[in-house]
Structure formats: C-alpha cells, structure tokens
C-alpha cells in the first residue's frame, strides 16, 4: 500500500501496519518521544499500537528538538 510519511511517498509491504510498527520501520529509536499526526490529526501515544494505516494516509512524525542559544546582554 502507498502512504505518505513526512511528505514523501512510502510503500508499505503489509496490509496491517500499526503506527508503532511504521515508526519502527522508519528507524525511529524512541517512538515515545515522537508526536504523530495521521491525516492532520494528532494521535495519542497510547493509540500508536491500535491504529493501523490505510492506503493514501498521510503520516507526519514530529520530533521534539531541544536547544536554544546563550544570550548575554550588557545593558
């Protein structure tokens, strides 16, 4: 089946693929740190194992990126 993951077409070679399996198939090491949107709707983490992707679904993996910069003001 064909789905779109992070804006790119991806062929999934199984009929029953859960979101957690899709995360693992895309080498996401810590899926518990990733937010997932399925067709524009955020999915709760506890549902990753019970929601299965379908033909033409659009899935986005959103990774939290920590960081920032050091800013010193001498006013």
N, C-alpha and C. Protein backbone atom coordinates (compact mmCIF):
# COMPACT_ATOMS: atom_id res chain seq x y z
N UNK A 1 0.85 -1.17 0.00
CA UNK A 1 0.00 0.00 0.00
C UNK A 1 0.89 1.23 0.00
N UNK A 2 0.38 2.33 -0.50
CA UNK A 2 1.13 3.57 -0.59
C UNK A 2 0.61 4.55 0.46
N UNK A 3 1.53 5.08 1.27
CA UNK A 3 1.21 6.11 2.25
C UNK A 3 2.23 7.24 2.07
N UNK A 4 1.97 8.34 2.72
CA UNK A 4 2.91 9.46 2.67
C UNK A 4 3.42 9.68 4.09
N UNK A 5 4.75 9.58 4.27
CA UNK A 5 5.37 9.77 5.57
C UNK A 5 6.27 10.99 5.51
N UNK A 6 5.97 11.97 6.33
CA UNK A 6 6.73 13.22 6.35
C UNK A 6 6.87 13.82 4.95
N UNK A 7 5.78 13.76 4.21
CA UNK A 7 5.73 14.39 2.89
C UNK A 7 6.28 13.57 1.74
N UNK A 8 6.76 12.36 2.02
CA UNK A 8 7.34 11.52 0.97
C UNK A 8 6.54 10.23 0.83
N UNK A 9 6.33 9.82 -0.42
CA UNK A 9 5.63 8.56 -0.68
C UNK A 9 6.45 7.40 -0.12
N UNK A 10 5.74 6.45 0.49
CA UNK A 10 6.38 5.27 1.04
C UNK A 10 5.50 4.06 0.78
N UNK A 11 6.09 3.01 0.27
CA UNK A 11 5.35 1.77 0.03
C UNK A 11 5.47 0.92 1.28
N UNK A 12 4.33 0.49 1.80
CA UNK A 12 4.28 -0.39 2.96
C UNK A 12 3.89 -1.77 2.45
N UNK A 13 4.74 -2.75 2.73
CA UNK A 13 4.55 -4.09 2.17
C UNK A 13 3.71 -5.01 3.04
N UNK A 14 2.80 -4.46 3.80
CA UNK A 14 1.91 -5.27 4.63
C UNK A 14 0.54 -4.60 4.64
N UNK A 15 -0.47 -5.38 4.95
CA UNK A 15 -1.81 -4.82 4.96
C UNK A 15 -2.20 -4.27 6.32
N UNK A 16 -1.65 -4.84 7.39
CA UNK A 16 -1.98 -4.38 8.74
C UNK A 16 -0.72 -3.85 9.42
N UNK A 17 -0.48 -2.54 9.27
CA UNK A 17 0.68 -1.91 9.88
C UNK A 17 0.20 -0.83 10.83
N UNK A 18 0.55 -1.00 12.11
CA UNK A 18 0.15 -0.02 13.10
C UNK A 18 1.11 1.17 13.05
N UNK A 19 0.72 2.24 13.69
CA UNK A 19 1.60 3.41 13.74
C UNK A 19 2.92 3.07 14.43
N UNK A 20 2.88 2.27 15.48
CA UNK A 20 4.12 1.92 16.19
C UNK A 20 5.04 1.11 15.27
N UNK A 21 4.46 0.22 14.46
CA UNK A 21 5.27 -0.56 13.52
C UNK A 21 5.86 0.36 12.44
N UNK A 22 5.07 1.32 12.00
CA UNK A 22 5.55 2.26 10.99
C UNK A 22 6.71 3.09 11.55
N UNK A 23 6.59 3.51 12.80
CA UNK A 23 7.69 4.24 13.45
C UNK A 23 8.95 3.38 13.48
N UNK A 24 8.81 2.14 13.88
CA UNK A 24 9.98 1.24 13.94
C UNK A 24 10.54 0.98 12.55
N UNK A 25 9.66 0.80 11.56
CA UNK A 25 10.12 0.57 10.18
C UNK A 25 10.88 1.76 9.62
N UNK A 26 10.63 2.94 10.20
CA UNK A 26 11.32 4.16 9.76
C UNK A 26 12.48 4.50 10.70
N UNK A 27 12.94 3.49 11.44
CA UNK A 27 14.11 3.61 12.30
C UNK A 27 14.00 4.69 13.37
N UNK A 28 12.79 4.89 13.88
CA UNK A 28 12.61 5.81 14.99
C UNK A 28 12.96 5.04 16.26
N UNK A 29 14.06 5.44 16.89
CA UNK A 29 14.60 4.69 18.02
C UNK A 29 13.74 4.84 19.27
N UNK A 30 13.24 6.03 19.54
CA UNK A 30 12.43 6.27 20.74
C UNK A 30 11.06 6.81 20.34
N UNK A 31 10.16 5.93 19.91
CA UNK A 31 8.85 6.40 19.46
C UNK A 31 8.05 7.12 20.54
N UNK A 32 8.39 6.87 21.80
CA UNK A 32 7.68 7.55 22.88
C UNK A 32 8.01 9.04 22.94
N UNK A 33 9.03 9.47 22.22
CA UNK A 33 9.41 10.88 22.19
C UNK A 33 8.94 11.59 20.91
N UNK A 34 8.13 10.90 20.12
CA UNK A 34 7.67 11.44 18.84
C UNK A 34 6.17 11.65 18.89
N UNK A 35 5.74 12.80 18.39
CA UNK A 35 4.30 13.02 18.20
C UNK A 35 3.97 12.60 16.77
N UNK A 36 2.78 12.04 16.60
CA UNK A 36 2.37 11.56 15.27
C UNK A 36 1.07 12.24 14.89
N UNK A 37 1.06 12.73 13.64
CA UNK A 37 -0.17 13.22 13.04
C UNK A 37 -0.58 12.23 11.96
N UNK A 38 -1.84 11.86 11.98
CA UNK A 38 -2.40 10.98 10.96
C UNK A 38 -3.48 11.77 10.24
N UNK A 39 -3.22 12.06 8.97
CA UNK A 39 -4.15 12.85 8.17
C UNK A 39 -4.49 14.18 8.85
N UNK A 40 -3.46 14.80 9.44
CA UNK A 40 -3.62 16.11 10.02
C UNK A 40 -4.13 16.15 11.45
N UNK A 41 -4.38 14.98 12.04
CA UNK A 41 -4.90 14.91 13.40
C UNK A 41 -3.87 14.23 14.30
N UNK A 42 -3.57 14.87 15.44
CA UNK A 42 -2.63 14.27 16.38
C UNK A 42 -3.22 13.01 16.99
N UNK A 43 -2.36 11.99 17.12
CA UNK A 43 -2.76 10.71 17.69
C UNK A 43 -2.15 10.59 19.09
N UNK A 44 -2.92 10.13 20.05
CA UNK A 44 -2.39 9.91 21.40
C UNK A 44 -1.40 8.76 21.37
N UNK A 45 -0.33 8.89 22.13
CA UNK A 45 0.73 7.86 22.14
C UNK A 45 0.18 6.47 22.49
N UNK A 46 -0.76 6.43 23.41
CA UNK A 46 -1.28 5.12 23.82
C UNK A 46 -2.07 4.44 22.70
N UNK A 47 -2.36 5.16 21.62
CA UNK A 47 -3.10 4.57 20.50
C UNK A 47 -2.18 4.13 19.35
N UNK A 48 -0.88 4.37 19.46
CA UNK A 48 0.04 4.03 18.37
C UNK A 48 -0.03 2.55 17.98
N UNK A 49 -0.27 1.67 18.95
CA UNK A 49 -0.31 0.24 18.66
C UNK A 49 -1.65 -0.21 18.10
N UNK A 50 -2.70 0.56 18.32
CA UNK A 50 -4.04 0.11 17.91
C UNK A 50 -4.57 0.80 16.66
N UNK A 51 -3.85 1.80 16.17
CA UNK A 51 -4.29 2.48 14.94
C UNK A 51 -3.44 1.98 13.78
N UNK A 52 -4.12 1.55 12.74
CA UNK A 52 -3.46 0.97 11.57
C UNK A 52 -3.58 1.93 10.39
N UNK A 53 -2.49 2.04 9.63
CA UNK A 53 -2.51 2.93 8.47
C UNK A 53 -3.26 2.29 7.32
N UNK A 54 -3.82 3.16 6.49
CA UNK A 54 -4.56 2.71 5.31
C UNK A 54 -3.98 3.36 4.07
N UNK A 55 -4.32 2.80 2.95
CA UNK A 55 -3.88 3.34 1.65
C UNK A 55 -4.12 4.85 1.60
N UNK A 56 -3.10 5.58 1.15
CA UNK A 56 -3.13 7.04 0.94
C UNK A 56 -3.18 7.86 2.23
N UNK A 57 -2.97 7.24 3.39
CA UNK A 57 -2.88 8.01 4.63
C UNK A 57 -1.65 8.91 4.57
N UNK A 58 -1.73 10.03 5.26
CA UNK A 58 -0.59 10.94 5.39
C UNK A 58 -0.20 10.97 6.86
N UNK A 59 1.04 10.55 7.12
CA UNK A 59 1.54 10.44 8.47
C UNK A 59 2.74 11.37 8.62
N UNK A 60 2.74 12.14 9.70
CA UNK A 60 3.87 13.01 9.99
C UNK A 60 4.41 12.66 11.36
N UNK A 61 5.74 12.44 11.42
CA UNK A 61 6.43 12.22 12.69
C UNK A 61 7.01 13.57 13.09
N UNK A 62 6.66 14.03 14.26
CA UNK A 62 7.12 15.32 14.76
C UNK A 62 8.04 15.09 15.95
N UNK A 63 9.30 15.42 15.76
CA UNK A 63 10.31 15.19 16.78
C UNK A 63 10.52 16.45 17.61
N UNK A 64 10.56 16.29 18.92
CA UNK A 64 10.85 17.41 19.79
C UNK A 64 12.34 17.71 19.68
N UNK A 65 12.65 18.96 19.43
CA UNK A 65 14.04 19.36 19.30
C UNK A 65 14.33 20.37 20.40
N UNK A 66 15.12 19.98 21.35
CA UNK A 66 15.52 20.90 22.41
C UNK A 66 16.64 21.77 21.91
N UNK A 67 16.88 22.81 22.60
CA UNK A 67 18.00 23.65 22.21
C UNK A 67 17.75 25.07 22.63
N UNK A 68 18.45 25.92 22.04
CA UNK A 68 18.35 27.33 22.36
C UNK A 68 19.70 27.97 22.16
N UNK A 69 19.82 29.14 22.64
CA UNK A 69 21.11 29.80 22.50
C UNK A 69 21.41 30.58 23.76
N UNK A 70 22.64 30.85 23.93
CA UNK A 70 23.07 31.65 25.05
C UNK A 70 23.04 33.10 24.63
N UNK A 71 22.39 33.92 25.41
CA UNK A 71 22.27 35.32 25.05
C UNK A 71 22.70 36.15 26.26
N UNK A 72 23.71 36.94 26.08
CA UNK A 72 24.19 37.82 27.13
C UNK A 72 23.96 39.25 26.72
N UNK A 73 23.31 39.97 27.57
CA UNK A 73 23.06 41.39 27.30
C UNK A 73 23.85 42.21 28.29
N UNK A 74 24.55 43.19 27.80
CA UNK A 74 25.33 44.08 28.67
C UNK A 74 24.77 45.47 28.63
N UNK A 75 23.53 45.62 29.01
CA UNK A 75 22.87 46.93 29.04
C UNK A 75 22.88 47.52 30.42
